[in-house]
Amino acid sequence: MISSTKAQAELSLEALAEINPDYIFLQFETSENTDNATALDDLLKNPIFKSVNAVKNNHVFVNAIDPLAQGGTAWSKVRFLDAAIENLLK
């Protein structure tokens, strides 16, 4: 659990593996990653990422909402929370 966060920050795969979350919500938009279009596939194949409980238990949700909708608006935050609840209650 991340107890306090003051701002968005980059998280290394090693740090993610150390945190070892039970669930991961991952957003990826190809048009925003034209310099590395295979980044999502590369991540999903990465042995460190595969060692995380969320991955092992098939609890990785890619683009639970449209990644271009995710952002700073209240609407996008509510949509994300709706998608999170829907996926977590399965």
N, C-alpha and C. Protein backbone atom coordinates (compact mmCIF):
# COMPACT_ATOMS: atom_id res chain seq x y z
N MET A 1 0.84 -1.17 0.00
CA MET A 1 0.00 0.00 0.00
C MET A 1 0.89 1.24 0.00
N ILE A 2 0.51 2.18 -0.82
CA ILE A 2 1.21 3.46 -0.84
C ILE A 2 0.44 4.39 0.09
N SER A 3 1.07 4.76 1.20
CA SER A 3 0.34 5.49 2.23
C SER A 3 0.19 6.98 1.95
N SER A 4 1.19 7.61 1.35
CA SER A 4 1.03 9.03 1.07
C SER A 4 1.73 9.38 -0.23
N THR A 5 1.02 10.08 -1.06
CA THR A 5 1.55 10.50 -2.34
C THR A 5 1.18 11.96 -2.54
N LYS A 6 2.18 12.76 -2.86
CA LYS A 6 1.93 14.18 -3.06
C LYS A 6 1.78 14.54 -4.53
N ALA A 7 2.31 13.70 -5.42
CA ALA A 7 2.23 13.98 -6.85
C ALA A 7 2.44 12.69 -7.62
N GLN A 8 2.05 12.72 -8.87
CA GLN A 8 2.29 11.58 -9.74
C GLN A 8 3.79 11.40 -9.90
N ALA A 9 4.23 10.15 -9.89
CA ALA A 9 5.67 9.88 -10.01
C ALA A 9 5.88 8.63 -10.82
N GLU A 10 7.03 8.54 -11.45
CA GLU A 10 7.40 7.35 -12.20
C GLU A 10 7.75 6.24 -11.21
N LEU A 11 7.34 5.04 -11.55
CA LEU A 11 7.56 3.88 -10.69
C LEU A 11 8.33 2.84 -11.48
N SER A 12 9.48 2.42 -11.00
CA SER A 12 10.25 1.40 -11.71
C SER A 12 9.57 0.05 -11.56
N LEU A 13 9.89 -0.87 -12.46
CA LEU A 13 9.34 -2.23 -12.36
C LEU A 13 9.79 -2.90 -11.07
N GLU A 14 11.01 -2.62 -10.66
CA GLU A 14 11.52 -3.20 -9.42
C GLU A 14 10.73 -2.70 -8.21
N ALA A 15 10.40 -1.41 -8.21
CA ALA A 15 9.61 -0.85 -7.12
C ALA A 15 8.19 -1.43 -7.15
N LEU A 16 7.63 -1.60 -8.34
CA LEU A 16 6.32 -2.20 -8.46
C LEU A 16 6.33 -3.63 -7.93
N ALA A 17 7.35 -4.39 -8.26
CA ALA A 17 7.47 -5.76 -7.77
C ALA A 17 7.61 -5.79 -6.26
N GLU A 18 8.30 -4.81 -5.70
CA GLU A 18 8.46 -4.75 -4.25
C GLU A 18 7.12 -4.43 -3.57
N ILE A 19 6.36 -3.52 -4.16
CA ILE A 19 5.03 -3.19 -3.63
C ILE A 19 4.10 -4.40 -3.79
N ASN A 20 4.24 -5.11 -4.91
CA ASN A 20 3.52 -6.35 -5.21
C ASN A 20 2.00 -6.20 -5.04
N PRO A 21 1.39 -5.33 -5.85
CA PRO A 21 -0.05 -5.09 -5.70
C PRO A 21 -0.90 -6.30 -6.10
N ASP A 22 -2.09 -6.35 -5.55
CA ASP A 22 -3.03 -7.42 -5.90
C ASP A 22 -3.82 -7.08 -7.16
N TYR A 23 -3.93 -5.80 -7.49
CA TYR A 23 -4.66 -5.34 -8.67
C TYR A 23 -3.88 -4.22 -9.33
N ILE A 24 -3.92 -4.18 -10.66
CA ILE A 24 -3.30 -3.09 -11.41
C ILE A 24 -4.29 -2.63 -12.48
N PHE A 25 -4.50 -1.32 -12.53
CA PHE A 25 -5.27 -0.70 -13.60
C PHE A 25 -4.27 0.05 -14.46
N LEU A 26 -4.14 -0.37 -15.70
CA LEU A 26 -3.11 0.15 -16.59
C LEU A 26 -3.76 0.84 -17.77
N GLN A 27 -3.33 2.05 -18.05
CA GLN A 27 -3.84 2.80 -19.19
C GLN A 27 -2.73 2.90 -20.24
N PHE A 28 -3.07 2.58 -21.50
CA PHE A 28 -2.10 2.69 -22.59
C PHE A 28 -2.83 3.11 -23.85
N GLU A 29 -2.35 4.17 -24.47
CA GLU A 29 -2.92 4.66 -25.72
C GLU A 29 -1.82 4.70 -26.76
N THR A 30 -2.00 3.94 -27.84
CA THR A 30 -1.00 3.82 -28.90
C THR A 30 -0.62 5.19 -29.47
N SER A 31 -1.62 6.05 -29.70
CA SER A 31 -1.32 7.35 -30.32
C SER A 31 -0.46 8.24 -29.43
N GLU A 32 -0.43 7.98 -28.13
CA GLU A 32 0.40 8.75 -27.22
C GLU A 32 1.77 8.12 -27.04
N ASN A 33 2.00 7.00 -27.68
CA ASN A 33 3.27 6.27 -27.52
C ASN A 33 3.84 5.87 -28.87
N THR A 34 3.78 6.78 -29.83
CA THR A 34 4.24 6.46 -31.18
C THR A 34 5.74 6.14 -31.22
N ASP A 35 6.51 6.66 -30.28
CA ASP A 35 7.94 6.38 -30.24
C ASP A 35 8.23 5.00 -29.67
N ASN A 36 7.24 4.37 -29.04
CA ASN A 36 7.42 3.03 -28.48
C ASN A 36 6.08 2.29 -28.48
N ALA A 37 5.61 1.98 -29.68
CA ALA A 37 4.29 1.37 -29.85
C ALA A 37 4.18 -0.01 -29.21
N THR A 38 5.30 -0.68 -28.96
CA THR A 38 5.26 -2.02 -28.37
C THR A 38 5.44 -2.00 -26.85
N ALA A 39 5.41 -0.82 -26.24
CA ALA A 39 5.66 -0.69 -24.80
C ALA A 39 4.73 -1.56 -23.97
N LEU A 40 3.45 -1.57 -24.30
CA LEU A 40 2.50 -2.38 -23.52
C LEU A 40 2.83 -3.86 -23.64
N ASP A 41 3.04 -4.34 -24.86
CA ASP A 41 3.39 -5.76 -25.06
C ASP A 41 4.70 -6.10 -24.35
N ASP A 42 5.66 -5.19 -24.43
CA ASP A 42 6.94 -5.42 -23.77
C ASP A 42 6.75 -5.54 -22.25
N LEU A 43 5.93 -4.67 -21.69
CA LEU A 43 5.66 -4.71 -20.25
C LEU A 43 4.99 -6.03 -19.87
N LEU A 44 3.98 -6.42 -20.61
CA LEU A 44 3.23 -7.64 -20.28
C LEU A 44 4.09 -8.90 -20.38
N LYS A 45 5.15 -8.85 -21.18
CA LYS A 45 6.06 -9.99 -21.33
C LYS A 45 7.24 -9.93 -20.36
N ASN A 46 7.41 -8.82 -19.68
CA ASN A 46 8.57 -8.62 -18.81
C ASN A 46 8.52 -9.56 -17.60
N PRO A 47 9.59 -10.30 -17.33
CA PRO A 47 9.60 -11.25 -16.21
C PRO A 47 9.38 -10.59 -14.84
N ILE A 48 9.87 -9.37 -14.65
CA ILE A 48 9.65 -8.69 -13.37
C ILE A 48 8.17 -8.38 -13.22
N PHE A 49 7.54 -7.87 -14.27
CA PHE A 49 6.11 -7.57 -14.23
C PHE A 49 5.31 -8.86 -14.00
N LYS A 50 5.71 -9.93 -14.66
CA LYS A 50 5.00 -11.21 -14.51
C LYS A 50 5.12 -11.79 -13.10
N SER A 51 6.07 -11.31 -12.31
CA SER A 51 6.25 -11.82 -10.95
C SER A 51 5.30 -11.19 -9.93
N VAL A 52 4.59 -10.15 -10.34
CA VAL A 52 3.70 -9.41 -9.44
C VAL A 52 2.39 -10.20 -9.24
N ASN A 53 1.88 -10.19 -8.02
CA ASN A 53 0.65 -10.93 -7.70
C ASN A 53 -0.50 -10.59 -8.63
N ALA A 54 -0.69 -9.33 -8.95
CA ALA A 54 -1.79 -8.93 -9.82
C ALA A 54 -1.71 -9.63 -11.17
N VAL A 55 -0.52 -9.77 -11.69
CA VAL A 55 -0.33 -10.43 -12.99
C VAL A 55 -0.56 -11.93 -12.84
N LYS A 56 0.03 -12.52 -11.83
CA LYS A 56 -0.13 -13.95 -11.60
C LYS A 56 -1.59 -14.36 -11.43
N ASN A 57 -2.39 -13.49 -10.82
CA ASN A 57 -3.78 -13.79 -10.54
C ASN A 57 -4.76 -13.21 -11.56
N ASN A 58 -4.21 -12.75 -12.70
CA ASN A 58 -5.02 -12.20 -13.79
C ASN A 58 -5.87 -11.01 -13.31
N HIS A 59 -5.26 -10.14 -12.52
CA HIS A 59 -5.92 -8.96 -12.02
C HIS A 59 -5.28 -7.69 -12.56
N VAL A 60 -4.93 -7.72 -13.83
CA VAL A 60 -4.41 -6.54 -14.51
C VAL A 60 -5.48 -6.10 -15.50
N PHE A 61 -5.95 -4.88 -15.34
CA PHE A 61 -7.03 -4.37 -16.17
C PHE A 61 -6.46 -3.28 -17.07
N VAL A 62 -6.33 -3.59 -18.35
CA VAL A 62 -5.77 -2.65 -19.31
C VAL A 62 -6.91 -1.87 -19.94
N ASN A 63 -6.80 -0.54 -19.85
CA ASN A 63 -7.78 0.37 -20.43
C ASN A 63 -9.20 0.06 -19.95
N ALA A 64 -9.38 0.03 -18.64
CA ALA A 64 -10.70 -0.19 -18.06
C ALA A 64 -11.68 0.88 -18.55
N ILE A 65 -11.17 2.05 -18.83
CA ILE A 65 -11.92 3.07 -19.57
C ILE A 65 -11.02 3.53 -20.70
N ASP A 66 -11.58 4.19 -21.67
CA ASP A 66 -10.79 4.68 -22.80
C ASP A 66 -9.64 5.53 -22.26
N PRO A 67 -8.40 5.20 -22.62
CA PRO A 67 -7.26 5.94 -22.07
C PRO A 67 -7.26 7.43 -22.42
N LEU A 68 -7.90 7.80 -23.52
CA LEU A 68 -7.97 9.23 -23.85
C LEU A 68 -8.99 9.96 -22.99
N ALA A 69 -9.90 9.22 -22.36
CA ALA A 69 -10.88 9.84 -21.46
C ALA A 69 -10.28 10.09 -20.09
N GLN A 70 -9.30 9.28 -19.72
CA GLN A 70 -8.68 9.42 -18.40
C GLN A 70 -7.92 10.73 -18.34
N GLY A 71 -8.08 11.43 -17.27
CA GLY A 71 -7.40 12.71 -17.14
C GLY A 71 -7.84 13.42 -15.89
N GLY A 72 -7.92 14.72 -15.98
CA GLY A 72 -8.18 15.50 -14.79
C GLY A 72 -9.62 15.88 -14.54
N THR A 73 -10.54 15.58 -15.45
CA THR A 73 -11.91 16.01 -15.24
C THR A 73 -12.62 15.13 -14.22
N ALA A 74 -13.63 15.68 -13.59
CA ALA A 74 -14.43 14.92 -12.64
C ALA A 74 -15.10 13.75 -13.35
N TRP A 75 -15.60 13.97 -14.57
CA TRP A 75 -16.25 12.90 -15.33
C TRP A 75 -15.32 11.70 -15.49
N SER A 76 -14.07 11.95 -15.88
CA SER A 76 -13.14 10.83 -16.11
C SER A 76 -12.82 10.10 -14.81
N LYS A 77 -12.74 10.82 -13.73
CA LYS A 77 -12.46 10.18 -12.44
C LYS A 77 -13.62 9.30 -12.00
N VAL A 78 -14.85 9.79 -12.21
CA VAL A 78 -16.03 8.99 -11.86
C VAL A 78 -16.10 7.76 -12.75
N ARG A 79 -15.85 7.91 -14.04
CA ARG A 79 -15.86 6.76 -14.97
C ARG A 79 -14.81 5.73 -14.55
N PHE A 80 -13.62 6.19 -14.16
CA PHE A 80 -12.59 5.26 -13.72
C PHE A 80 -13.03 4.53 -12.45
N LEU A 81 -13.59 5.25 -11.50
CA LEU A 81 -14.05 4.60 -10.27
C LEU A 81 -15.15 3.59 -10.57
N ASP A 82 -16.06 3.91 -11.48
CA ASP A 82 -17.10 2.95 -11.88
C ASP A 82 -16.46 1.69 -12.47
N ALA A 83 -15.46 1.87 -13.34
CA ALA A 83 -14.78 0.72 -13.95
C ALA A 83 -14.01 -0.07 -12.91
N ALA A 84 -13.39 0.61 -11.97
CA ALA A 84 -12.65 -0.08 -10.90
C ALA A 84 -13.60 -0.94 -10.06
N ILE A 85 -14.71 -0.35 -9.67
CA ILE A 85 -15.69 -1.10 -8.86
C ILE A 85 -16.21 -2.30 -9.64
N GLU A 86 -16.55 -2.09 -10.90
CA GLU A 86 -17.05 -3.19 -11.73
C GLU A 86 -16.05 -4.34 -11.81
N ASN A 87 -14.78 -4.01 -12.01
CA ASN A 87 -13.75 -5.06 -12.14
C ASN A 87 -13.39 -5.70 -10.80
N LEU A 88 -13.40 -4.93 -9.74
CA LEU A 88 -13.03 -5.46 -8.43
C LEU A 88 -14.12 -6.34 -7.83
N LEU A 89 -15.34 -6.16 -8.24
CA LEU A 89 -16.45 -6.95 -7.69
C LEU A 89 -16.71 -8.23 -8.47
N LYS A 90 -15.92 -8.49 -9.48
CA LYS A 90 -16.11 -9.72 -10.28
C LYS A 90 -15.71 -10.92 -9.47
